[in-house]
C-alpha atoms as a PDB file:
ATOM      1  CA  UNK A   1     -13.316 144.144 298.634  1.00  0.00           C
ATOM      2  CA  UNK A   2     -11.178 141.446 297.058  1.00  0.00           C
ATOM      3  CA  UNK A   3     -13.001 138.588 295.390  1.00  0.00           C
ATOM      4  CA  UNK A   4     -11.851 134.979 295.971  1.00  0.00           C
ATOM      5  CA  UNK A   5     -10.346 135.062 292.497  1.00  0.00           C
ATOM      6  CA  UNK A   6      -8.310 138.154 293.368  1.00  0.00           C
ATOM      7  CA  UNK A   7      -6.946 136.527 296.531  1.00  0.00           C
ATOM      8  CA  UNK A   8      -6.077 133.259 294.776  1.00  0.00           C
ATOM      9  CA  UNK A   9      -4.337 135.184 292.008  1.00  0.00           C
ATOM     10  CA  UNK A  10      -2.245 137.091 294.536  1.00  0.00           C
ATOM     11  CA  UNK A  11      -1.343 133.919 296.414  1.00  0.00           C
ATOM     12  CA  UNK A  12      -0.256 132.302 293.164  1.00  0.00           C
ATOM     13  CA  UNK A  13       1.866 135.346 292.290  1.00  0.00           C
ATOM     14  CA  UNK A  14       3.486 135.272 295.742  1.00  0.00           C
ATOM     15  CA  UNK A  15       4.330 131.573 295.491  1.00  0.00           C
ATOM     16  CA  UNK A  16       5.833 132.053 292.033  1.00  0.00           C
ATOM     17  CA  UNK A  17       7.879 135.015 293.275  1.00  0.00           C
ATOM     18  CA  UNK A  18       9.274 132.915 296.113  1.00  0.00           C
ATOM     19  CA  UNK A  19      10.037 129.987 293.803  1.00  0.00           C
ATOM     20  CA  UNK A  20      12.024 132.298 291.513  1.00  0.00           C
ATOM     21  CA  UNK A  21      14.422 132.956 294.414  1.00  0.00           C
ATOM     22  CA  UNK A  22      14.993 129.330 295.394  1.00  0.00           C
ATOM     23  CA  UNK A  23      17.206 127.970 296.840  1.00  0.00           C
ATOM     24  CA  UNK A  24      18.588 131.080 298.529  1.00  0.00           C
ATOM     25  CA  UNK A  25      15.249 132.509 299.581  1.00  0.00           C
ATOM     26  CA  UNK A  26      13.459 135.797 298.954  1.00  0.00           C
ATOM     27  CA  UNK A  27      13.084 138.931 301.024  1.00  0.00           C
ATOM     28  CA  UNK A  28       9.652 140.449 301.476  1.00  0.00           C
ATOM     29  CA  UNK A  29      10.651 143.218 299.078  1.00  0.00           C
ATOM     30  CA  UNK A  30      11.724 140.618 296.489  1.00  0.00           C
ATOM     31  CA  UNK A  31       8.328 138.955 296.722  1.00  0.00           C
ATOM     32  CA  UNK A  32       6.407 142.231 296.572  1.00  0.00           C
ATOM     33  CA  UNK A  33       8.326 143.289 293.478  1.00  0.00           C
ATOM     34  CA  UNK A  34       8.035 139.896 291.792  1.00  0.00           C
ATOM     35  CA  UNK A  35       4.305 139.594 292.505  1.00  0.00           C
ATOM     36  CA  UNK A  36       3.487 143.219 291.703  1.00  0.00           C
ATOM     37  CA  UNK A  37       2.093 143.865 295.195  1.00  0.00           C
ATOM     38  CA  UNK A  38       2.552 146.462 297.890  1.00  0.00           C
ATOM     39  CA  UNK A  39       5.061 145.293 300.505  1.00  0.00           C
ATOM     40  CA  UNK A  40       2.501 145.151 303.383  1.00  0.00           C
ATOM     41  CA  UNK A  41       0.165 143.064 301.216  1.00  0.00           C
ATOM     42  CA  UNK A  42       2.969 140.689 300.283  1.00  0.00           C
ATOM     43  CA  UNK A  43       4.003 140.317 303.929  1.00  0.00           C
ATOM     44  CA  UNK A  44       0.437 139.613 305.027  1.00  0.00           C
ATOM     45  CA  UNK A  45       0.029 136.894 302.392  1.00  0.00           C
ATOM     46  CA  UNK A  46       3.409 135.386 303.185  1.00  0.00           C
ATOM     47  CA  UNK A  47       2.553 135.220 306.880  1.00  0.00           C
ATOM     48  CA  UNK A  48      -0.737 133.460 306.123  1.00  0.00           C
ATOM     49  CA  UNK A  49       1.017 130.971 303.844  1.00  0.00           C
ATOM     50  CA  UNK A  50       3.632 130.365 306.553  1.00  0.00           C
ATOM     51  CA  UNK A  51       0.908 129.336 308.987  1.00  0.00           C
ATOM     52  CA  UNK A  52      -0.393 126.823 306.419  1.00  0.00           C
ATOM     53  CA  UNK A  53       3.059 125.350 305.787  1.00  0.00           C
ATOM     54  CA  UNK A  54       3.041 126.508 302.169  1.00  0.00           C
ATOM     55  CA  UNK A  55       5.878 128.941 302.897  1.00  0.00           C
ATOM     56  CA  UNK A  56       8.851 128.566 305.231  1.00  0.00           C
ATOM     57  CA  UNK A  57      11.132 131.233 306.713  1.00  0.00           C
ATOM     58  CA  UNK A  58      14.826 131.209 307.539  1.00  0.00           C
ATOM     59  CA  UNK A  59      16.377 132.596 310.690  1.00  0.00           C
ATOM     60  CA  UNK A  60      17.479 135.708 308.790  1.00  0.00           C
ATOM     61  CA  UNK A  61      13.963 136.381 307.521  1.00  0.00           C
ATOM     62  CA  UNK A  62      14.095 135.017 303.973  1.00  0.00           C
ATOM     63  CA  UNK A  63      11.072 133.230 302.560  1.00  0.00           C
ATOM     64  CA  UNK A  64      11.263 129.736 301.037  1.00  0.00           C
ATOM     65  CA  UNK A  65       8.751 127.301 299.585  1.00  0.00           C
ATOM     66  CA  UNK A  66       7.254 125.268 302.414  1.00  0.00           C
ATOM     67  CA  UNK A  67       6.967 121.572 303.247  1.00  0.00           C
ATOM     68  CA  UNK A  68       3.261 121.408 302.470  1.00  0.00           C
ATOM     69  CA  UNK A  69       4.000 122.357 298.864  1.00  0.00           C
ATOM     70  CA  UNK A  70       6.387 119.412 298.642  1.00  0.00           C
ATOM     71  CA  UNK A  71       3.681 117.050 299.876  1.00  0.00           C
ATOM     72  CA  UNK A  72       1.105 118.478 297.477  1.00  0.00           C
ATOM     73  CA  UNK A  73       3.578 118.258 294.605  1.00  0.00           C
ATOM     74  CA  UNK A  74       4.382 114.650 295.434  1.00  0.00           C
ATOM     75  CA  UNK A  75       0.684 113.787 295.217  1.00  0.00           C
ATOM     76  CA  UNK A  76       0.518 115.300 291.710  1.00  0.00           C
ATOM     77  CA  UNK A  77       3.758 113.752 290.448  1.00  0.00           C
ATOM     78  CA  UNK A  78       2.179 110.842 288.605  1.00  0.00           C
ATOM     79  CA  UNK A  79       0.209 113.224 286.353  1.00  0.00           C
ATOM     80  CA  UNK A  80       2.655 116.032 285.736  1.00  0.00           C
ATOM     81  CA  UNK A  81       6.245 115.021 286.421  1.00  0.00           C
ATOM     82  CA  UNK A  82       8.326 114.410 283.317  1.00  0.00           C
ATOM     83  CA  UNK A  83      11.694 115.220 284.845  1.00  0.00           C
ATOM     84  CA  UNK A  84      12.621 111.568 285.390  1.00  0.00           C
ATOM     85  CA  UNK A  85      12.146 110.921 281.693  1.00  0.00           C
ATOM     86  CA  UNK A  86      13.955 114.116 280.672  1.00  0.00           C
ATOM     87  CA  UNK A  87      16.943 113.731 283.003  1.00  0.00           C
ATOM     88  CA  UNK A  88      18.963 111.304 280.826  1.00  0.00           C
ATOM     89  CA  UNK A  89      18.574 113.557 277.787  1.00  0.00           C
ATOM     90  CA  UNK A  90      19.763 116.584 279.744  1.00  0.00           C
ATOM     91  CA  UNK A  91      22.735 114.609 281.041  1.00  0.00           C
ATOM     92  CA  UNK A  92      23.495 113.376 277.521  1.00  0.00           C
ATOM     93  CA  UNK A  93      23.672 116.970 276.266  1.00  0.00           C
ATOM     94  CA  UNK A  94      25.860 118.043 279.158  1.00  0.00           C
ATOM     95  CA  UNK A  95      28.312 115.170 278.678  1.00  0.00           C
ATOM     96  CA  UNK A  96      28.472 115.611 274.906  1.00  0.00           C
ATOM     97  CA  UNK A  97      29.081 119.371 274.984  1.00  0.00           C
ATOM     98  CA  UNK A  98      30.725 120.145 278.313  1.00  0.00           C
ATOM     99  CA  UNK A  99      28.144 122.933 278.803  1.00  0.00           C
ATOM    100  CA  UNK A 100      25.374 123.300 281.365  1.00  0.00           C
ATOM    101  CA  UNK A 101      22.191 121.706 280.025  1.00  0.00           C
ATOM    102  CA  UNK A 102      18.594 122.323 281.067  1.00  0.00           C
ATOM    103  CA  UNK A 103      15.039 121.074 280.688  1.00  0.00           C
ATOM    104  CA  UNK A 104      12.263 123.653 281.024  1.00  0.00           C
ATOM    105  CA  UNK A 105       8.477 123.401 280.913  1.00  0.00           C
ATOM    106  CA  UNK A 106       5.973 125.869 279.587  1.00  0.00           C
ATOM    107  CA  UNK A 107       3.539 127.142 282.175  1.00  0.00           C
ATOM    108  CA  UNK A 108       1.162 129.658 280.657  1.00  0.00           C
ATOM    109  CA  UNK A 109       3.185 132.652 279.473  1.00  0.00           C
ATOM    110  CA  UNK A 110       6.372 131.456 281.173  1.00  0.00           C
ATOM    111  CA  UNK A 111       8.946 128.714 281.097  1.00  0.00           C
ATOM    112  CA  UNK A 112      10.100 127.091 284.332  1.00  0.00           C
ATOM    113  CA  UNK A 113      13.486 125.377 284.599  1.00  0.00           C
ATOM    114  CA  UNK A 114      12.995 121.855 285.981  1.00  0.00           C
ATOM    115  CA  UNK A 115      16.336 120.091 285.452  1.00  0.00           C
ATOM    116  CA  UNK A 116      19.950 121.317 285.364  1.00  0.00           C
ATOM    117  CA  UNK A 117      23.104 119.329 284.618  1.00  0.00           C
ATOM    118  CA  UNK A 118      26.469 121.076 284.772  1.00  0.00           C
ATOM    119  CA  UNK A 119      29.037 120.174 282.148  1.00  0.00           C
ATOM    120  CA  UNK A 120      32.742 119.507 282.472  1.00  0.00           C
ATOM    121  CA  UNK A 121      33.873 122.955 281.283  1.00  0.00           C
ATOM    122  CA  UNK A 122      35.042 124.736 284.457  1.00  0.00           C
ATOM    123  CA  UNK A 123      33.610 128.200 283.648  1.00  0.00           C
ATOM    124  CA  UNK A 124      29.818 128.142 283.837  1.00  0.00           C
ATOM    125  CA  UNK A 125      26.885 130.421 283.375  1.00  0.00           C
ATOM    126  CA  UNK A 126      24.670 130.734 286.449  1.00  0.00           C
ATOM    127  CA  UNK A 127      21.704 132.468 284.838  1.00  0.00           C
ATOM    128  CA  UNK A 128      19.490 129.370 285.085  1.00  0.00           C
ATOM    129  CA  UNK A 129      18.685 127.102 288.007  1.00  0.00           C
ATOM    130  CA  UNK A 130      15.857 124.752 288.908  1.00  0.00           C
ATOM    131  CA  UNK A 131      12.692 126.708 289.646  1.00  0.00           C
ATOM    132  CA  UNK A 132      13.611 129.930 287.872  1.00  0.00           C
ATOM    133  CA  UNK A 133      10.926 131.347 285.602  1.00  0.00           C
ATOM    134  CA  UNK A 134      11.220 133.528 282.533  1.00  0.00           C
ATOM    135  CA  UNK A 135       8.506 134.946 280.270  1.00  0.00           C
ATOM    136  CA  UNK A 136       8.166 133.411 276.827  1.00  0.00           C
ATOM    137  CA  UNK A 137      10.625 135.056 274.458  1.00  0.00           C
ATOM    138  CA  UNK A 138      13.217 135.492 277.217  1.00  0.00           C
ATOM    139  CA  UNK A 139      16.204 133.109 277.426  1.00  0.00           C
ATOM    140  CA  UNK A 140      16.706 130.426 274.812  1.00  0.00           C
ATOM    141  CA  UNK A 141      14.111 128.016 276.231  1.00  0.00           C
ATOM    142  CA  UNK A 142      11.404 130.689 276.280  1.00  0.00           C
ATOM    143  CA  UNK A 143      12.258 131.754 272.743  1.00  0.00           C
ATOM    144  CA  UNK A 144      12.243 128.161 271.488  1.00  0.00           C
ATOM    145  CA  UNK A 145       8.732 127.663 272.875  1.00  0.00           C
ATOM    146  CA  UNK A 146       7.390 131.017 271.684  1.00  0.00           C
ATOM    147  CA  UNK A 147       8.694 130.527 268.140  1.00  0.00           C
ATOM    148  CA  UNK A 148       6.679 127.346 267.674  1.00  0.00           C
ATOM    149  CA  UNK A 149       3.366 128.790 268.766  1.00  0.00           C
ATOM    150  CA  UNK A 150       1.080 129.902 265.956  1.00  0.00           C
ATOM    151  CA  UNK A 151       1.405 133.400 264.484  1.00  0.00           C
ATOM    152  CA  UNK A 152      -1.884 134.347 266.124  1.00  0.00           C
ATOM    153  CA  UNK A 153      -0.639 133.169 269.519  1.00  0.00           C
ATOM    154  CA  UNK A 154       2.640 135.062 269.137  1.00  0.00           C
ATOM    155  CA  UNK A 155       0.726 138.228 268.173  1.00  0.00           C
ATOM    156  CA  UNK A 156      -1.646 137.886 271.115  1.00  0.00           C
ATOM    157  CA  UNK A 157       1.199 137.257 273.555  1.00  0.00           C
ATOM    158  CA  UNK A 158       3.201 140.281 272.412  1.00  0.00           C
ATOM    159  CA  UNK A 159       0.072 142.459 272.515  1.00  0.00           C
ATOM    160  CA  UNK A 160      -0.482 141.683 276.197  1.00  0.00           C
ATOM    161  CA  UNK A 161       3.160 141.518 277.299  1.00  0.00           C
ATOM    162  CA  UNK A 162       5.764 144.248 277.692  1.00  0.00           C
ATOM    163  CA  UNK A 163       9.185 142.697 278.314  1.00  0.00           C
ATOM    164  CA  UNK A 164      11.111 145.971 278.082  1.00  0.00           C
ATOM    165  CA  UNK A 165      10.810 147.215 281.701  1.00  0.00           C
ATOM    166  CA  UNK A 166      12.310 144.024 283.099  1.00  0.00           C
ATOM    167  CA  UNK A 167      14.608 142.903 280.269  1.00  0.00           C
ATOM    168  CA  UNK A 168      15.495 145.999 278.236  1.00  0.00           C
ATOM    169  CA  UNK A 169      15.000 147.310 274.717  1.00  0.00           C
ATOM    170  CA  UNK A 170      16.443 144.189 273.124  1.00  0.00           C
ATOM    171  CA  UNK A 171      13.212 142.508 274.241  1.00  0.00           C
ATOM    172  CA  UNK A 172      10.903 145.017 272.562  1.00  0.00           C
ATOM    173  CA  UNK A 173       8.130 143.385 270.524  1.00  0.00           C
ATOM    174  CA  UNK A 174       9.758 143.860 267.114  1.00  0.00           C
ATOM    175  CA  UNK A 175      13.097 142.519 268.362  1.00  0.00           C
ATOM    176  CA  UNK A 176      11.318 139.462 269.767  1.00  0.00           C
ATOM    177  CA  UNK A 177       9.470 138.970 266.460  1.00  0.00           C
ATOM    178  CA  UNK A 178      12.799 139.055 264.605  1.00  0.00           C
ATOM    179  CA  UNK A 179      14.205 136.359 266.909  1.00  0.00           C
ATOM    180  CA  UNK A 180      11.044 134.291 266.469  1.00  0.00           C
ATOM    181  CA  UNK A 181      11.595 134.383 262.697  1.00  0.00           C
ATOM    182  CA  UNK A 182      15.273 133.492 263.072  1.00  0.00           C
ATOM    183  CA  UNK A 183      14.452 130.627 265.443  1.00  0.00           C
ATOM    184  CA  UNK A 184      11.941 129.204 262.982  1.00  0.00           C
ATOM    185  CA  UNK A 185      14.526 129.456 260.197  1.00  0.00           C
ATOM    186  CA  UNK A 186      17.291 127.778 262.225  1.00  0.00           C
ATOM    187  CA  UNK A 187      15.111 125.315 264.129  1.00  0.00           C
ATOM    188  CA  UNK A 188      16.722 126.342 267.429  1.00  0.00           C
ATOM    189  CA  UNK A 189      16.822 129.545 269.485  1.00  0.00           C
ATOM    190  CA  UNK A 190      19.948 131.566 270.206  1.00  0.00           C
ATOM    191  CA  UNK A 191      20.366 133.888 273.181  1.00  0.00           C
ATOM    192  CA  UNK A 192      23.505 135.949 272.441  1.00  0.00           C
ATOM    193  CA  UNK A 193      24.073 137.401 275.898  1.00  0.00           C
ATOM    194  CA  UNK A 194      20.688 139.128 276.089  1.00  0.00           C
ATOM    195  CA  UNK A 195      20.176 138.462 279.807  1.00  0.00           C
ATOM    196  CA  UNK A 196      23.745 138.588 281.101  1.00  0.00           C
ATOM    197  CA  UNK A 197      26.568 139.925 278.972  1.00  0.00           C
ATOM    198  CA  UNK A 198      28.892 137.122 277.920  1.00  0.00           C
ATOM    199  CA  UNK A 199      26.432 134.365 278.836  1.00  0.00           C
ATOM    200  CA  UNK A 200      25.041 132.670 275.723  1.00  0.00           C
ATOM    201  CA  UNK A 201      22.414 130.002 275.290  1.00  0.00           C
ATOM    202  CA  UNK A 202      20.749 127.811 272.690  1.00  0.00           C
ATOM    203  CA  UNK A 203      17.363 126.126 272.995  1.00  0.00           C
ATOM    204  CA  UNK A 204      15.170 123.655 271.125  1.00  0.00           C
ATOM    205  CA  UNK A 205      11.467 123.046 271.613  1.00  0.00           C
ATOM    206  CA  UNK A 206      10.085 119.707 272.787  1.00  0.00           C
ATOM    207  CA  UNK A 207       6.559 118.892 271.645  1.00  0.00           C
ATOM    208  CA  UNK A 208       3.581 117.042 273.089  1.00  0.00           C
ATOM    209  CA  UNK A 209       1.320 114.576 271.262  1.00  0.00           C
ATOM    210  CA  UNK A 210      -0.625 117.468 269.730  1.00  0.00           C
ATOM    211  CA  UNK A 211       2.547 119.027 268.241  1.00  0.00           C
ATOM    212  CA  UNK A 212       2.437 121.818 270.805  1.00  0.00           C
ATOM    213  CA  UNK A 213       5.725 123.240 272.210  1.00  0.00           C
ATOM    214  CA  UNK A 214       5.337 122.427 275.894  1.00  0.00           C
ATOM    215  CA  UNK A 215       8.977 122.011 276.935  1.00  0.00           C
ATOM    216  CA  UNK A 216      12.481 122.932 275.832  1.00  0.00           C
ATOM    217  CA  UNK A 217      16.041 121.672 276.092  1.00  0.00           C
ATOM    218  CA  UNK A 218      18.772 124.288 276.305  1.00  0.00           C
ATOM    219  CA  UNK A 219      22.496 124.805 276.707  1.00  0.00           C
ATOM    220  CA  UNK A 220      24.247 127.777 278.300  1.00  0.00           C
ATOM    221  CA  UNK A 221      27.864 128.837 278.613  1.00  0.00           C
ATOM    222  CA  UNK A 222      30.294 131.651 278.079  1.00  0.00           C
ATOM    223  CA  UNK A 223      30.343 133.498 274.762  1.00  0.00           C
ATOM    224  CA  UNK A 224      33.700 132.064 273.708  1.00  0.00           C
ATOM    225  CA  UNK A 225      32.165 128.569 273.747  1.00  0.00           C
ATOM    226  CA  UNK A 226      29.377 129.552 271.334  1.00  0.00           C
ATOM    227  CA  UNK A 227      31.305 130.647 268.254  1.00  0.00           C
ATOM    228  CA  UNK A 228      29.586 130.345 264.869  1.00  0.00           C
ATOM    229  CA  UNK A 229      31.476 127.144 263.889  1.00  0.00           C
ATOM    230  CA  UNK A 230      30.623 125.479 267.193  1.00  0.00           C
ATOM    231  CA  UNK A 231      26.978 126.554 266.974  1.00  0.00           C
ATOM    232  CA  UNK A 232      26.822 124.635 263.692  1.00  0.00           C
ATOM    233  CA  UNK A 233      27.654 121.512 265.696  1.00  0.00           C
ATOM    234  CA  UNK A 234      25.597 122.301 268.797  1.00  0.00           C
ATOM    235  CA  UNK A 235      22.417 123.198 266.904  1.00  0.00           C
ATOM    236  CA  UNK A 236      21.894 119.828 265.176  1.00  0.00           C
ATOM    237  CA  UNK A 237      22.842 117.981 268.375  1.00  0.00           C
ATOM    238  CA  UNK A 238      20.301 119.986 270.364  1.00  0.00           C
ATOM    239  CA  UNK A 239      17.591 119.394 267.751  1.00  0.00           C
ATOM    240  CA  UNK A 240      18.258 115.652 267.593  1.00  0.00           C
ATOM    241  CA  UNK A 241      18.106 115.341 271.359  1.00  0.00           C
ATOM    242  CA  UNK A 242      14.893 117.392 271.523  1.00  0.00           C
ATOM    243  CA  UNK A 243      13.345 115.156 268.856  1.00  0.00           C
ATOM    244  CA  UNK A 244      14.352 112.026 270.785  1.00  0.00           C
ATOM    245  CA  UNK A 245      12.857 113.423 273.992  1.00  0.00           C
ATOM    246  CA  UNK A 246       9.666 114.401 272.134  1.00  0.00           C
ATOM    247  CA  UNK A 247       9.360 110.820 270.892  1.00  0.00           C
ATOM    248  CA  UNK A 248       9.926 109.407 274.391  1.00  0.00           C
ATOM    249  CA  UNK A 249       7.351 111.731 275.935  1.00  0.00           C
ATOM    250  CA  UNK A 250       4.748 110.682 273.378  1.00  0.00           C
ATOM    251  CA  UNK A 251       5.318 107.030 274.262  1.00  0.00           C
ATOM    252  CA  UNK A 252       4.893 107.721 277.960  1.00  0.00           C
END
C-alpha cells in the first residue's frame, strides 16, 4: 500500500510533468513518461487533481495546470516571487544583445524558467519557455548553477543522477564535470548546441545572501550569433547583469 509520502511524491511529479508542457498542454502519456509512472496511475492522479481544480483539461484531452494552482501561487507570491525584480534585468539583456534572455530559479536538482524576453533578432531559439524544467547541468542556466555548488555537492548530484538516457552521452558525468570546470574558469556557462543542434546558450549564476547559486540569467540563439569573438562580449555583459541582479535581490 502506498504511504502518504508516496502519494504526495507522485502528485508532485505529475504536476511538474504537466508544467513542463505548458502552455500547449500534456497528453496522459506525456505525464506518465515525465513523472515515471504507469499510464493508468498517471491518469488516475490527473483525474483526481482535475476534480480539485489543480489540473484543467482541454476539449482535445490535453492536461494543463489548473485555476486552483494559480490561486495558491498568488497567496505565496509575497514570499517567493522574484520575477518582478528580475524582469528589467532580463529585458536589459534582451535589448542589449538582440537574443532571447531568460531568468531561471533553482528548485532542488532542477532549474525552472520563470521569465523570457525575446530579442530583436528575427531567428530565435525555442528551447526555453516559462515553466520548462531542466536538471542541473543541462542547458546553460542549469550548468551555471551546478558549477557554483561546492565540489561535494557536485559529486553527490552526479552520483545520484544519470542524465544520459534523456540527454545523451554528452551529458555523461565526466563530460558534465569538464563543463563545470570550464564554467568556473570562464565565470559563465556555455551550451554549444547540446540540447538542440544549432541552438546555443550562455548562462551566469545569480546568488542569494548566503552566496548560494539560486538563480541564473541566460541568453539563447542560433549558433552563428555565438561566435568566439561575440562570446567575449556577451560573457562579461551577462556576468555584470547577473552581479547587478544579485545585488538587487540581496537588498530586497
